[in-house]
Amino acid sequence: MKVIKKRISVLGVKYDSQWRRIDINFGSVVFHLFKGQIMIDETPYYDEHLVPIKNLIINEKFFSFDSFYKKQDTHFEVYYSYFDIAILIAKYIKYINEYGVVFDNEYDSFDFLAEKKELHISLRNESTGEYIVIGYNKYRNYFSLVYPKPGKEFLIDNCTYGNNTIHIKCKGHNLWDENDLITDYIYQWKINFDSKPVNILDILLHFGLIKNISIYNQQHSDNKNDDNKPG
């Protein structure tokens, strides 16, 4: 049997209640939900070509599984690397493949993508119609209220997470409307998601907005300092 060892380079999880979709992106290996099962994508970032996985085993440093991958019996070992919470995502995969997944429009749909120094979070709730985006990158830290209309976007002054609630304090004016007189906008989002076997959205937000928020803030701060250096 062929053995493939992969190291996680990004941490991406997407749950869409409307389209009944789950995507898990570890950079070097990508999974999608198909017919109630999480499967590995043989052609990531191209047209999906999914094959089942089996014999999923979860260890402290990596998880492993077998698959008939590209028409060959293959054993995978996927190492968590910097993203230690990937062990919980592996357990989430195992739970879905054994017990299924619940899609409910009451639950928040989300798209979470964390890299070593960048973070993207979008949250949408079909019942309330609200849709927000939080982004940390080398250019800026920003918050977008996409829906309800009219939308707004501000730079982030501070973003915290606790008791299942995201608290956002913005600074400055609405970047999408120079005539909007609102400044220093404040917003909060209380998450609503399935807690079985664990609340995976809560775990991801804890990783991004508590454990590593100083890293994302520092990335932006470092680039601001670089911009201020004489050329």
Foldseek 3Di string as FASTA:
>chain_A
DAEDEAEFFKFKWWQDLVVRKIKTPRPVWIWIDDPQAIFTFLDPPDPGDTWHWDPWDADQFWIWIWTCHPNRTYIYTYGHPPNRCVSVVSVVNVCSRVPNDDRDLQAWTWIWMDGQQWTKIWTARPVVGWIKIFIFDQAFTKIWGVPDPPIFMFGWPAWADDPQKIKTFGADGTPVDPPDPDGRDIDMDRGDDDQVVHRVVVVRCCVPHPVCVVSSVVSNVVSVVVVPDDD
